[in-house]
Full PDB file with SEQRES, HELIX, SHEET, SSBOND, CRYST1, ORIGX, SCALE, CONECT and MASTER records, all heavy atoms in Angstrom:
SEQRES   1 A   41  VAL LEU ALA ILE THR GLU GLU ILE ARG ASP GLY ILE VAL          
SEQRES   2 A   41  LYS GLY LEU PRO ALA ALA ASP LEU LEU GLY ILE ALA GLU          
SEQRES   3 A   41  LYS GLN GLY TYR ILE THR MET LYS GLU ASP ALA VAL LEU          
SEQRES   4 A   41  LYS VAL                                                      
HELIX    1 AA1 GLU A    6  LYS A   14  1                                   9    
HELIX    2 AA2 ALA A   18  LYS A   27  1                                  10    
HELIX    3 AA3 MET A   33  LYS A   40  1                                   8    
CRYST1    1.000    1.000    1.000  90.00  90.00  90.00 P 1           1          
ORIGX1      1.000000  0.000000  0.000000        0.00000                         
ORIGX2      0.000000  1.000000  0.000000        0.00000                         
ORIGX3      0.000000  0.000000  1.000000        0.00000                         
SCALE1      1.000000  0.000000  0.000000        0.00000                         
SCALE2      0.000000  1.000000  0.000000        0.00000                         
SCALE3      0.000000  0.000000  1.000000        0.00000                         
ATOM      1  N   VAL A   1      69.464 -27.581  50.232  1.00  0.00           N  
ATOM      2  CA  VAL A   1      70.231 -26.405  49.826  1.00  0.00           C  
ATOM      3  C   VAL A   1      71.700 -26.689  50.090  1.00  0.00           C  
ATOM      4  O   VAL A   1      72.070 -27.070  51.206  1.00  0.00           O  
ATOM      5  CB  VAL A   1      69.793 -25.150  50.614  1.00  0.00           C  
ATOM      6  CG1 VAL A   1      70.658 -23.956  50.244  1.00  0.00           C  
ATOM      7  CG2 VAL A   1      68.324 -24.857  50.386  1.00  0.00           C  
ATOM      8  N   LEU A   2      72.501 -26.518  49.081  1.00  0.00           N  
ATOM      9  CA  LEU A   2      73.941 -26.714  49.232  1.00  0.00           C  
ATOM     10  C   LEU A   2      74.589 -25.351  49.417  1.00  0.00           C  
ATOM     11  O   LEU A   2      74.606 -24.525  48.498  1.00  0.00           O  
ATOM     12  CB  LEU A   2      74.536 -27.416  48.009  1.00  0.00           C  
ATOM     13  CG  LEU A   2      76.053 -27.572  48.009  1.00  0.00           C  
ATOM     14  CD1 LEU A   2      76.499 -28.431  49.199  1.00  0.00           C  
ATOM     15  CD2 LEU A   2      76.533 -28.177  46.706  1.00  0.00           C  
ATOM     16  N   ALA A   3      75.074 -25.094  50.612  1.00  0.00           N  
ATOM     17  CA  ALA A   3      75.797 -23.852  50.890  1.00  0.00           C  
ATOM     18  C   ALA A   3      77.192 -23.977  50.279  1.00  0.00           C  
ATOM     19  O   ALA A   3      77.905 -24.952  50.527  1.00  0.00           O  
ATOM     20  CB  ALA A   3      75.893 -23.625  52.387  1.00  0.00           C  
ATOM     21  N   ILE A   4      77.540 -23.003  49.467  1.00  0.00           N  
ATOM     22  CA  ILE A   4      78.860 -23.029  48.832  1.00  0.00           C  
ATOM     23  C   ILE A   4      79.868 -22.410  49.795  1.00  0.00           C  
ATOM     24  O   ILE A   4      80.120 -21.215  49.792  1.00  0.00           O  
ATOM     25  CB  ILE A   4      78.852 -22.289  47.468  1.00  0.00           C  
ATOM     26  CG1 ILE A   4      77.772 -22.850  46.552  1.00  0.00           C  
ATOM     27  CG2 ILE A   4      80.230 -22.376  46.807  1.00  0.00           C  
ATOM     28  CD1 ILE A   4      77.943 -24.325  46.201  1.00  0.00           C  
ATOM     29  N   THR A   5      80.415 -23.267  50.631  1.00  0.00           N  
ATOM     30  CA  THR A   5      81.429 -22.837  51.590  1.00  0.00           C  
ATOM     31  C   THR A   5      82.774 -22.764  50.874  1.00  0.00           C  
ATOM     32  O   THR A   5      82.917 -23.191  49.719  1.00  0.00           O  
ATOM     33  CB  THR A   5      81.522 -23.833  52.753  1.00  0.00           C  
ATOM     34  OG1 THR A   5      81.942 -25.104  52.228  1.00  0.00           O  
ATOM     35  CG2 THR A   5      80.182 -23.987  53.469  1.00  0.00           C  
ATOM     36  N   GLU A   6      83.743 -22.254  51.574  1.00  0.00           N  
ATOM     37  CA  GLU A   6      85.087 -22.158  50.990  1.00  0.00           C  
ATOM     38  C   GLU A   6      85.609 -23.545  50.604  1.00  0.00           C  
ATOM     39  O   GLU A   6      86.206 -23.722  49.538  1.00  0.00           O  
ATOM     40  CB  GLU A   6      86.036 -21.484  51.980  1.00  0.00           C  
ATOM     41  CG  GLU A   6      87.382 -21.148  51.380  1.00  0.00           C  
ATOM     42  CD  GLU A   6      88.247 -20.321  52.320  1.00  0.00           C  
ATOM     43  OE1 GLU A   6      87.694 -19.541  53.121  1.00  0.00           O  
ATOM     44  OE2 GLU A   6      89.474 -20.473  52.235  1.00  0.00           O  
ATOM     45  N   GLU A   7      85.358 -24.535  51.454  1.00  0.00           N  
ATOM     46  CA  GLU A   7      85.835 -25.898  51.173  1.00  0.00           C  
ATOM     47  C   GLU A   7      85.132 -26.485  49.947  1.00  0.00           C  
ATOM     48  O   GLU A   7      85.767 -27.137  49.113  1.00  0.00           O  
ATOM     49  CB  GLU A   7      85.610 -26.781  52.399  1.00  0.00           C  
ATOM     50  CG  GLU A   7      86.379 -28.083  52.346  1.00  0.00           C  
ATOM     51  CD  GLU A   7      86.269 -28.873  53.649  1.00  0.00           C  
ATOM     52  OE1 GLU A   7      85.622 -28.407  54.607  1.00  0.00           O  
ATOM     53  OE2 GLU A   7      86.829 -29.978  53.682  1.00  0.00           O  
ATOM     54  N   ILE A   8      83.839 -26.241  49.818  1.00  0.00           N  
ATOM     55  CA  ILE A   8      83.092 -26.720  48.644  1.00  0.00           C  
ATOM     56  C   ILE A   8      83.606 -26.006  47.393  1.00  0.00           C  
ATOM     57  O   ILE A   8      83.840 -26.627  46.351  1.00  0.00           O  
ATOM     58  CB  ILE A   8      81.573 -26.491  48.819  1.00  0.00           C  
ATOM     59  CG1 ILE A   8      81.010 -27.342  49.958  1.00  0.00           C  
ATOM     60  CG2 ILE A   8      80.819 -26.736  47.517  1.00  0.00           C  
ATOM     61  CD1 ILE A   8      80.867 -28.812  49.652  1.00  0.00           C  
ATOM     62  N   ARG A   9      83.772 -24.688  47.500  1.00  0.00           N  
ATOM     63  CA  ARG A   9      84.253 -23.908  46.356  1.00  0.00           C  
ATOM     64  C   ARG A   9      85.624 -24.405  45.901  1.00  0.00           C  
ATOM     65  O   ARG A   9      85.864 -24.589  44.709  1.00  0.00           O  
ATOM     66  CB  ARG A   9      84.310 -22.424  46.725  1.00  0.00           C  
ATOM     67  CG  ARG A   9      84.719 -21.524  45.577  1.00  0.00           C  
ATOM     68  CD  ARG A   9      84.700 -20.025  45.875  1.00  0.00           C  
ATOM     69  NE  ARG A   9      84.953 -19.647  47.245  1.00  0.00           N  
ATOM     70  CZ  ARG A   9      84.033 -19.167  48.087  1.00  0.00           C  
ATOM     71  NH1 ARG A   9      82.791 -19.006  47.681  1.00  0.00           N  
ATOM     72  NH2 ARG A   9      84.352 -18.835  49.326  1.00  0.00           N  
ATOM     73  N   ASP A  10      86.514 -24.666  46.866  1.00  0.00           N  
ATOM     74  CA  ASP A  10      87.841 -25.180  46.520  1.00  0.00           C  
ATOM     75  C   ASP A  10      87.735 -26.530  45.815  1.00  0.00           C  
ATOM     76  O   ASP A  10      88.459 -26.793  44.850  1.00  0.00           O  
ATOM     77  CB  ASP A  10      88.714 -25.323  47.767  1.00  0.00           C  
ATOM     78  CG  ASP A  10      89.130 -23.988  48.356  1.00  0.00           C  
ATOM     79  OD1 ASP A  10      88.974 -22.950  47.667  1.00  0.00           O  
ATOM     80  OD2 ASP A  10      89.601 -23.974  49.513  1.00  0.00           O  
ATOM     81  N   GLY A  11      86.825 -27.382  46.292  1.00  0.00           N  
ATOM     82  CA  GLY A  11      86.630 -28.682  45.656  1.00  0.00           C  
ATOM     83  C   GLY A  11      86.111 -28.560  44.233  1.00  0.00           C  
ATOM     84  O   GLY A  11      86.531 -29.303  43.341  1.00  0.00           O  
ATOM     85  N   ILE A  12      85.215 -27.614  44.015  1.00  0.00           N  
ATOM     86  CA  ILE A  12      84.689 -27.380  42.660  1.00  0.00           C  
ATOM     87  C   ILE A  12      85.799 -26.900  41.749  1.00  0.00           C  
ATOM     88  O   ILE A  12      85.961 -27.391  40.626  1.00  0.00           O  
ATOM     89  CB  ILE A  12      83.524 -26.362  42.697  1.00  0.00           C  
ATOM     90  CG1 ILE A  12      82.327 -26.961  43.424  1.00  0.00           C  
ATOM     91  CG2 ILE A  12      83.152 -25.905  41.287  1.00  0.00           C  
ATOM     92  CD1 ILE A  12      81.221 -25.961  43.756  1.00  0.00           C  
ATOM     93  N   VAL A  13      86.595 -25.943  42.226  1.00  0.00           N  
ATOM     94  CA  VAL A  13      87.701 -25.395  41.424  1.00  0.00           C  
ATOM     95  C   VAL A  13      88.708 -26.487  41.083  1.00  0.00           C  
ATOM     96  O   VAL A  13      89.233 -26.546  39.967  1.00  0.00           O  
ATOM     97  CB  VAL A  13      88.385 -24.222  42.165  1.00  0.00           C  
ATOM     98  CG1 VAL A  13      89.673 -23.805  41.484  1.00  0.00           C  
ATOM     99  CG2 VAL A  13      87.430 -23.038  42.276  1.00  0.00           C  
ATOM    100  N   LYS A  14      88.951 -27.405  42.028  1.00  0.00           N  
ATOM    101  CA  LYS A  14      89.897 -28.503  41.800  1.00  0.00           C  
ATOM    102  C   LYS A  14      89.307 -29.593  40.907  1.00  0.00           C  
ATOM    103  O   LYS A  14      90.011 -30.511  40.500  1.00  0.00           O  
ATOM    104  CB  LYS A  14      90.323 -29.117  43.127  1.00  0.00           C  
ATOM    105  CG  LYS A  14      91.192 -28.221  43.967  1.00  0.00           C  
ATOM    106  CD  LYS A  14      91.509 -28.877  45.304  1.00  0.00           C  
ATOM    107  CE  LYS A  14      92.294 -27.941  46.187  1.00  0.00           C  
ATOM    108  NZ  LYS A  14      92.511 -28.479  47.534  1.00  0.00           N  
ATOM    109  N   GLY A  15      88.010 -29.515  40.630  1.00  0.00           N  
ATOM    110  CA  GLY A  15      87.370 -30.518  39.787  1.00  0.00           C  
ATOM    111  C   GLY A  15      87.101 -31.828  40.503  1.00  0.00           C  
ATOM    112  O   GLY A  15      87.077 -32.893  39.864  1.00  0.00           O  
ATOM    113  N   LEU A  16      86.875 -31.776  41.815  1.00  0.00           N  
ATOM    114  CA  LEU A  16      86.589 -33.002  42.554  1.00  0.00           C  
ATOM    115  C   LEU A  16      85.312 -33.650  42.033  1.00  0.00           C  
ATOM    116  O   LEU A  16      84.382 -32.955  41.611  1.00  0.00           O  
ATOM    117  CB  LEU A  16      86.410 -32.703  44.047  1.00  0.00           C  
ATOM    118  CG  LEU A  16      87.633 -32.263  44.832  1.00  0.00           C  
ATOM    119  CD1 LEU A  16      87.250 -32.015  46.290  1.00  0.00           C  
ATOM    120  CD2 LEU A  16      88.736 -33.297  44.759  1.00  0.00           C  
ATOM    121  N   PRO A  17      85.250 -34.973  42.058  1.00  0.00           N  
ATOM    122  CA  PRO A  17      84.028 -35.676  41.658  1.00  0.00           C  
ATOM    123  C   PRO A  17      82.861 -35.292  42.572  1.00  0.00           C  
ATOM    124  O   PRO A  17      83.060 -34.930  43.737  1.00  0.00           O  
ATOM    125  CB  PRO A  17      84.375 -37.152  41.827  1.00  0.00           C  
ATOM    126  CG  PRO A  17      85.860 -37.219  41.930  1.00  0.00           C  
ATOM    127  CD  PRO A  17      86.325 -35.893  42.445  1.00  0.00           C  
ATOM    128  N   ALA A  18      81.653 -35.404  42.052  1.00  0.00           N  
ATOM    129  CA  ALA A  18      80.449 -35.053  42.809  1.00  0.00           C  
ATOM    130  C   ALA A  18      80.367 -35.816  44.131  1.00  0.00           C  
ATOM    131  O   ALA A  18      79.948 -35.266  45.155  1.00  0.00           O  
ATOM    132  CB  ALA A  18      79.210 -35.305  41.963  1.00  0.00           C  
ATOM    133  N   ALA A  19      80.772 -37.077  44.120  1.00  0.00           N  
ATOM    134  CA  ALA A  19      80.723 -37.886  45.346  1.00  0.00           C  
ATOM    135  C   ALA A  19      81.625 -37.291  46.432  1.00  0.00           C  
ATOM    136  O   ALA A  19      81.264 -37.297  47.615  1.00  0.00           O  
ATOM    137  CB  ALA A  19      81.130 -39.327  45.054  1.00  0.00           C  
ATOM    138  N   ASP A  20      82.766 -36.777  46.052  1.00  0.00           N  
ATOM    139  CA  ASP A  20      83.670 -36.149  47.021  1.00  0.00           C  
ATOM    140  C   ASP A  20      83.076 -34.847  47.549  1.00  0.00           C  
ATOM    141  O   ASP A  20      83.162 -34.552  48.741  1.00  0.00           O  
ATOM    142  CB  ASP A  20      85.041 -35.886  46.395  1.00  0.00           C  
ATOM    143  CG  ASP A  20      85.817 -37.158  46.091  1.00  0.00           C  
ATOM    144  OD1 ASP A  20      85.363 -38.248  46.502  1.00  0.00           O  
ATOM    145  OD2 ASP A  20      86.868 -37.067  45.434  1.00  0.00           O  
ATOM    146  N   LEU A  21      82.472 -34.066  46.657  1.00  0.00           N  
ATOM    147  CA  LEU A  21      81.837 -32.817  47.082  1.00  0.00           C  
ATOM    148  C   LEU A  21      80.679 -33.114  48.043  1.00  0.00           C  
ATOM    149  O   LEU A  21      80.485 -32.405  49.038  1.00  0.00           O  
ATOM    150  CB  LEU A  21      81.329 -32.030  45.876  1.00  0.00           C  
ATOM    151  CG  LEU A  21      82.407 -31.490  44.938  1.00  0.00           C  
ATOM    152  CD1 LEU A  21      81.768 -30.897  43.682  1.00  0.00           C  
ATOM    153  CD2 LEU A  21      83.273 -30.453  45.644  1.00  0.00           C  
ATOM    154  N   LEU A  22      79.934 -34.169  47.757  1.00  0.00           N  
ATOM    155  CA  LEU A  22      78.838 -34.564  48.633  1.00  0.00           C  
ATOM    156  C   LEU A  22      79.366 -34.957  50.011  1.00  0.00           C  
ATOM    157  O   LEU A  22      78.781 -34.594  51.037  1.00  0.00           O  
ATOM    158  CB  LEU A  22      78.045 -35.721  48.015  1.00  0.00           C  
ATOM    159  CG  LEU A  22      76.865 -36.241  48.834  1.00  0.00           C  
ATOM    160  CD1 LEU A  22      75.849 -35.139  49.086  1.00  0.00           C  
ATOM    161  CD2 LEU A  22      76.213 -37.412  48.129  1.00  0.00           C  
ATOM    162  N   GLY A  23      80.470 -35.665  50.038  1.00  0.00           N  
ATOM    163  CA  GLY A  23      81.086 -36.042  51.314  1.00  0.00           C  
ATOM    164  C   GLY A  23      81.478 -34.834  52.139  1.00  0.00           C  
ATOM    165  O   GLY A  23      81.247 -34.791  53.355  1.00  0.00           O  
ATOM    166  N   ILE A  24      82.036 -33.827  51.487  1.00  0.00           N  
ATOM    167  CA  ILE A  24      82.406 -32.589  52.176  1.00  0.00           C  
ATOM    168  C   ILE A  24      81.146 -31.910  52.716  1.00  0.00           C  
ATOM    169  O   ILE A  24      81.095 -31.481  53.865  1.00  0.00           O  
ATOM    170  CB  ILE A  24      83.166 -31.640  51.221  1.00  0.00           C  
ATOM    171  CG1 ILE A  24      84.517 -32.235  50.819  1.00  0.00           C  
ATOM    172  CG2 ILE A  24      83.354 -30.261  51.864  1.00  0.00           C  
ATOM    173  CD1 ILE A  24      85.203 -31.508  49.657  1.00  0.00           C  
ATOM    174  N   ALA A  25      80.131 -31.829  51.874  1.00  0.00           N  
ATOM    175  CA  ALA A  25      78.883 -31.167  52.262  1.00  0.00           C  
ATOM    176  C   ALA A  25      78.232 -31.873  53.449  1.00  0.00           C  
ATOM    177  O   ALA A  25      77.755 -31.221  54.378  1.00  0.00           O  
ATOM    178  CB  ALA A  25      77.922 -31.126  51.077  1.00  0.00           C  
ATOM    179  N   GLU A  26      78.222 -33.204  53.434  1.00  0.00           N  
ATOM    180  CA  GLU A  26      77.617 -33.964  54.536  1.00  0.00           C  
ATOM    181  C   GLU A  26      78.342 -33.703  55.849  1.00  0.00           C  
ATOM    182  O   GLU A  26      77.710 -33.597  56.898  1.00  0.00           O  
ATOM    183  CB  GLU A  26      77.599 -35.452  54.196  1.00  0.00           C  
ATOM    184  CG  GLU A  26      76.559 -35.800  53.148  1.00  0.00           C  
ATOM    185  CD  GLU A  26      76.641 -37.239  52.664  1.00  0.00           C  
ATOM    186  OE1 GLU A  26      77.691 -37.895  52.859  1.00  0.00           O  
ATOM    187  OE2 GLU A  26      75.645 -37.706  52.082  1.00  0.00           O  
ATOM    188  N   LYS A  27      79.654 -33.576  55.794  1.00  0.00           N  
ATOM    189  CA  LYS A  27      80.424 -33.267  57.008  1.00  0.00           C  
ATOM    190  C   LYS A  27      80.061 -31.889  57.546  1.00  0.00           C  
ATOM    191  O   LYS A  27      80.217 -31.622  58.733  1.00  0.00           O  
ATOM    192  CB  LYS A  27      81.924 -33.332  56.717  1.00  0.00           C  
ATOM    193  CG  LYS A  27      82.448 -34.737  56.533  1.00  0.00           C  
ATOM    194  CD  LYS A  27      83.919 -34.727  56.194  1.00  0.00           C  
ATOM    195  CE  LYS A  27      84.390 -36.126  55.850  1.00  0.00           C  
ATOM    196  NZ  LYS A  27      85.759 -36.129  55.330  1.00  0.00           N  
ATOM    197  N   GLN A  28      79.578 -31.013  56.670  1.00  0.00           N  
ATOM    198  CA  GLN A  28      79.214 -29.652  57.064  1.00  0.00           C  
ATOM    199  C   GLN A  28      77.729 -29.533  57.409  1.00  0.00           C  
ATOM    200  O   GLN A  28      77.228 -28.436  57.602  1.00  0.00           O  
ATOM    201  CB  GLN A  28      79.583 -28.673  55.954  1.00  0.00           C  
ATOM    202  CG  GLN A  28      81.072 -28.617  55.703  1.00  0.00           C  
ATOM    203  CD  GLN A  28      81.450 -27.722  54.537  1.00  0.00           C  
ATOM    204  OE1 GLN A  28      80.611 -27.217  53.802  1.00  0.00           O  
ATOM    205  NE2 GLN A  28      82.747 -27.520  54.360  1.00  0.00           N  
ATOM    206  N   GLY A  29      77.026 -30.668  57.462  1.00  0.00           N  
ATOM    207  CA  GLY A  29      75.628 -30.644  57.877  1.00  0.00           C  
ATOM    208  C   GLY A  29      74.606 -30.605  56.764  1.00  0.00           C  
ATOM    209  O   GLY A  29      73.423 -30.379  57.013  1.00  0.00           O  
ATOM    210  N   TYR A  30      75.026 -30.851  55.539  1.00  0.00           N  
ATOM    211  CA  TYR A  30      74.116 -30.871  54.392  1.00  0.00           C  
ATOM    212  C   TYR A  30      73.025 -31.919  54.600  1.00  0.00           C  
ATOM    213  O   TYR A  30      73.300 -33.039  55.016  1.00  0.00           O  
ATOM    214  CB  TYR A  30      74.919 -31.194  53.132  1.00  0.00           C  
ATOM    215  CG  TYR A  30      74.122 -31.441  51.887  1.00  0.00           C  
ATOM    216  CD1 TYR A  30      73.506 -30.396  51.224  1.00  0.00           C  
ATOM    217  CD2 TYR A  30      74.006 -32.714  51.352  1.00  0.00           C  
ATOM    218  CE1 TYR A  30      72.788 -30.612  50.061  1.00  0.00           C  
ATOM    219  CE2 TYR A  30      73.289 -32.948  50.195  1.00  0.00           C  
ATOM    220  CZ  TYR A  30      72.683 -31.885  49.556  1.00  0.00           C  
ATOM    221  OH  TYR A  30      71.972 -32.109  48.405  1.00  0.00           O  
ATOM    222  N   ILE A  31      71.779 -31.537  54.346  1.00  0.00           N  
ATOM    223  CA  ILE A  31      70.636 -32.437  54.481  1.00  0.00           C  
ATOM    224  C   ILE A  31      69.981 -32.594  53.120  1.00  0.00           C  
ATOM    225  O   ILE A  31      69.648 -31.601  52.462  1.00  0.00           O  
ATOM    226  CB  ILE A  31      69.615 -31.877  55.496  1.00  0.00           C  
ATOM    227  CG1 ILE A  31      70.263 -31.787  56.872  1.00  0.00           C  
ATOM    228  CG2 ILE A  31      68.363 -32.728  55.543  1.00  0.00           C  
ATOM    229  CD1 ILE A  31      69.407 -31.087  57.896  1.00  0.00           C  
ATOM    230  N   THR A  32      69.807 -33.830  52.681  1.00  0.00           N  
ATOM    231  CA  THR A  32      69.171 -34.075  51.383  1.00  0.00           C  
ATOM    232  C   THR A  32      67.670 -33.791  51.462  1.00  0.00           C  
ATOM    233  O   THR A  32      67.092 -33.696  52.551  1.00  0.00           O  
ATOM    234  CB  THR A  32      69.354 -35.536  50.930  1.00  0.00           C  
ATOM    235  OG1 THR A  32      68.610 -36.377  51.823  1.00  0.00           O  
ATOM    236  CG2 THR A  32      70.818 -35.941  50.891  1.00  0.00           C  
ATOM    237  N   MET A  33      67.051 -33.687  50.315  1.00  0.00           N  
ATOM    238  CA  MET A  33      65.620 -33.446  50.253  1.00  0.00           C  
ATOM    239  C   MET A  33      64.848 -34.580  50.934  1.00  0.00           C  
ATOM    240  O   MET A  33      63.875 -34.340  51.658  1.00  0.00           O  
ATOM    241  CB  MET A  33      65.195 -33.313  48.784  1.00  0.00           C  
ATOM    242  CG  MET A  33      63.870 -32.726  48.566  1.00  0.00           C  
ATOM    243  SD  MET A  33      63.770 -32.328  46.808  1.00  0.00           S  
ATOM    244  CE  MET A  33      62.154 -31.654  46.751  1.00  0.00           C  
ATOM    245  N   LYS A  34      65.295 -35.795  50.733  1.00  0.00           N  
ATOM    246  CA  LYS A  34      64.651 -36.951  51.356  1.00  0.00           C  
ATOM    247  C   LYS A  34      64.766 -36.885  52.878  1.00  0.00           C  
ATOM    248  O   LYS A  34      63.806 -37.129  53.601  1.00  0.00           O  
ATOM    249  CB  LYS A  34      65.292 -38.239  50.815  1.00  0.00           C  
ATOM    250  CG  LYS A  34      64.583 -39.495  51.188  1.00  0.00           C  
ATOM    251  CD  LYS A  34      65.253 -40.675  50.478  1.00  0.00           C  
ATOM    252  CE  LYS A  34      64.462 -41.941  50.609  1.00  0.00           C  
ATOM    253  NZ  LYS A  34      65.093 -43.056  49.895  1.00  0.00           N  
ATOM    254  N   GLU A  35      65.948 -36.539  53.367  1.00  0.00           N  
ATOM    255  CA  GLU A  35      66.147 -36.408  54.814  1.00  0.00           C  
ATOM    256  C   GLU A  35      65.281 -35.288  55.384  1.00  0.00           C  
ATOM    257  O   GLU A  35      64.699 -35.428  56.461  1.00  0.00           O  
ATOM    258  CB  GLU A  35      67.623 -36.143  55.125  1.00  0.00           C  
ATOM    259  CG  GLU A  35      68.526 -37.323  54.846  1.00  0.00           C  
ATOM    260  CD  GLU A  35      70.005 -36.970  54.861  1.00  0.00           C  
ATOM    261  OE1 GLU A  35      70.364 -35.805  54.617  1.00  0.00           O  
ATOM    262  OE2 GLU A  35      70.798 -37.886  55.107  1.00  0.00           O  
ATOM    263  N   ASP A  36      65.165 -34.171  54.648  1.00  0.00           N  
ATOM    264  CA  ASP A  36      64.332 -33.058  55.088  1.00  0.00           C  
ATOM    265  C   ASP A  36      62.874 -33.490  55.189  1.00  0.00           C  
ATOM    266  O   ASP A  36      62.178 -33.139  56.149  1.00  0.00           O  
ATOM    267  CB  ASP A  36      64.485 -31.875  54.126  1.00  0.00           C  
ATOM    268  CG  ASP A  36      63.803 -30.618  54.640  1.00  0.00           C  
ATOM    269  OD1 ASP A  36      63.951 -30.298  55.833  1.00  0.00           O  
ATOM    270  OD2 ASP A  36      63.126 -29.944  53.837  1.00  0.00           O  
ATOM    271  N   ALA A  37      62.416 -34.273  54.221  1.00  0.00           N  
ATOM    272  CA  ALA A  37      61.039 -34.771  54.241  1.00  0.00           C  
ATOM    273  C   ALA A  37      60.810 -35.654  55.467  1.00  0.00           C  
ATOM    274  O   ALA A  37      59.796 -35.507  56.164  1.00  0.00           O  
ATOM    275  CB  ALA A  37      60.736 -35.545  52.962  1.00  0.00           C  
ATOM    276  N   VAL A  38      61.738 -36.538  55.755  1.00  0.00           N  
ATOM    277  CA  VAL A  38      61.605 -37.429  56.920  1.00  0.00           C  
ATOM    278  C   VAL A  38      61.564 -36.607  58.212  1.00  0.00           C  
ATOM    279  O   VAL A  38      60.735 -36.862  59.092  1.00  0.00           O  
ATOM    280  CB  VAL A  38      62.757 -38.462  56.960  1.00  0.00           C  
ATOM    281  CG1 VAL A  38      62.788 -39.201  58.286  1.00  0.00           C  
ATOM    282  CG2 VAL A  38      62.634 -39.438  55.800  1.00  0.00           C  
ATOM    283  N   LEU A  39      62.421 -35.617  58.321  1.00  0.00           N  
ATOM    284  CA  LEU A  39      62.432 -34.771  59.519  1.00  0.00           C  
ATOM    285  C   LEU A  39      61.107 -34.037  59.697  1.00  0.00           C  
ATOM    286  O   LEU A  39      60.612 -33.890  60.815  1.00  0.00           O  
ATOM    287  CB  LEU A  39      63.594 -33.772  59.446  1.00  0.00           C  
ATOM    288  CG  LEU A  39      64.991 -34.365  59.566  1.00  0.00           C  
ATOM    289  CD1 LEU A  39      66.049 -33.309  59.271  1.00  0.00           C  
ATOM    290  CD2 LEU A  39      65.210 -34.973  60.939  1.00  0.00           C  
ATOM    291  N   LYS A  40      60.506 -33.600  58.594  1.00  0.00           N  
ATOM    292  CA  LYS A  40      59.232 -32.878  58.678  1.00  0.00           C  
ATOM    293  C   LYS A  40      58.073 -33.810  58.986  1.00  0.00           C  
ATOM    294  O   LYS A  40      57.124 -33.416  59.665  1.00  0.00           O  
ATOM    295  CB  LYS A  40      59.011 -32.075  57.405  1.00  0.00           C  
ATOM    296  CG  LYS A  40      59.957 -30.879  57.410  1.00  0.00           C  
ATOM    297  CD  LYS A  40      59.839 -29.975  56.239  1.00  0.00           C  
ATOM    298  CE  LYS A  40      60.773 -28.787  56.480  1.00  0.00           C  
ATOM    299  NZ  LYS A  40      61.294 -28.216  55.300  1.00  0.00           N  
ATOM    300  N   VAL A  41      58.164 -35.056  58.559  1.00  0.00           N  
ATOM    301  CA  VAL A  41      57.148 -36.049  58.942  1.00  0.00           C  
ATOM    302  C   VAL A  41      57.261 -36.316  60.440  1.00  0.00           C  
ATOM    303  O   VAL A  41      56.259 -36.319  61.158  1.00  0.00           O  
ATOM    304  CB  VAL A  41      57.306 -37.354  58.129  1.00  0.00           C  
ATOM    305  CG1 VAL A  41      56.476 -38.479  58.733  1.00  0.00           C  
ATOM    306  CG2 VAL A  41      56.917 -37.126  56.671  1.00  0.00           C  
TER     307      VAL A  41                                                      
MASTER        0    0    0    3    0    0    0    6  306    1    0    4          
END                                                                             
């Protein structure tokens, strides 16, 4: 789940590339589906 924080929203409005948005999200604790699966295992 990607929480649309103010920083993410600003990045979207500025047209940042997806890789940059992902970097911001990861700094905020974003967990990918694969990582979630590993944690549940």
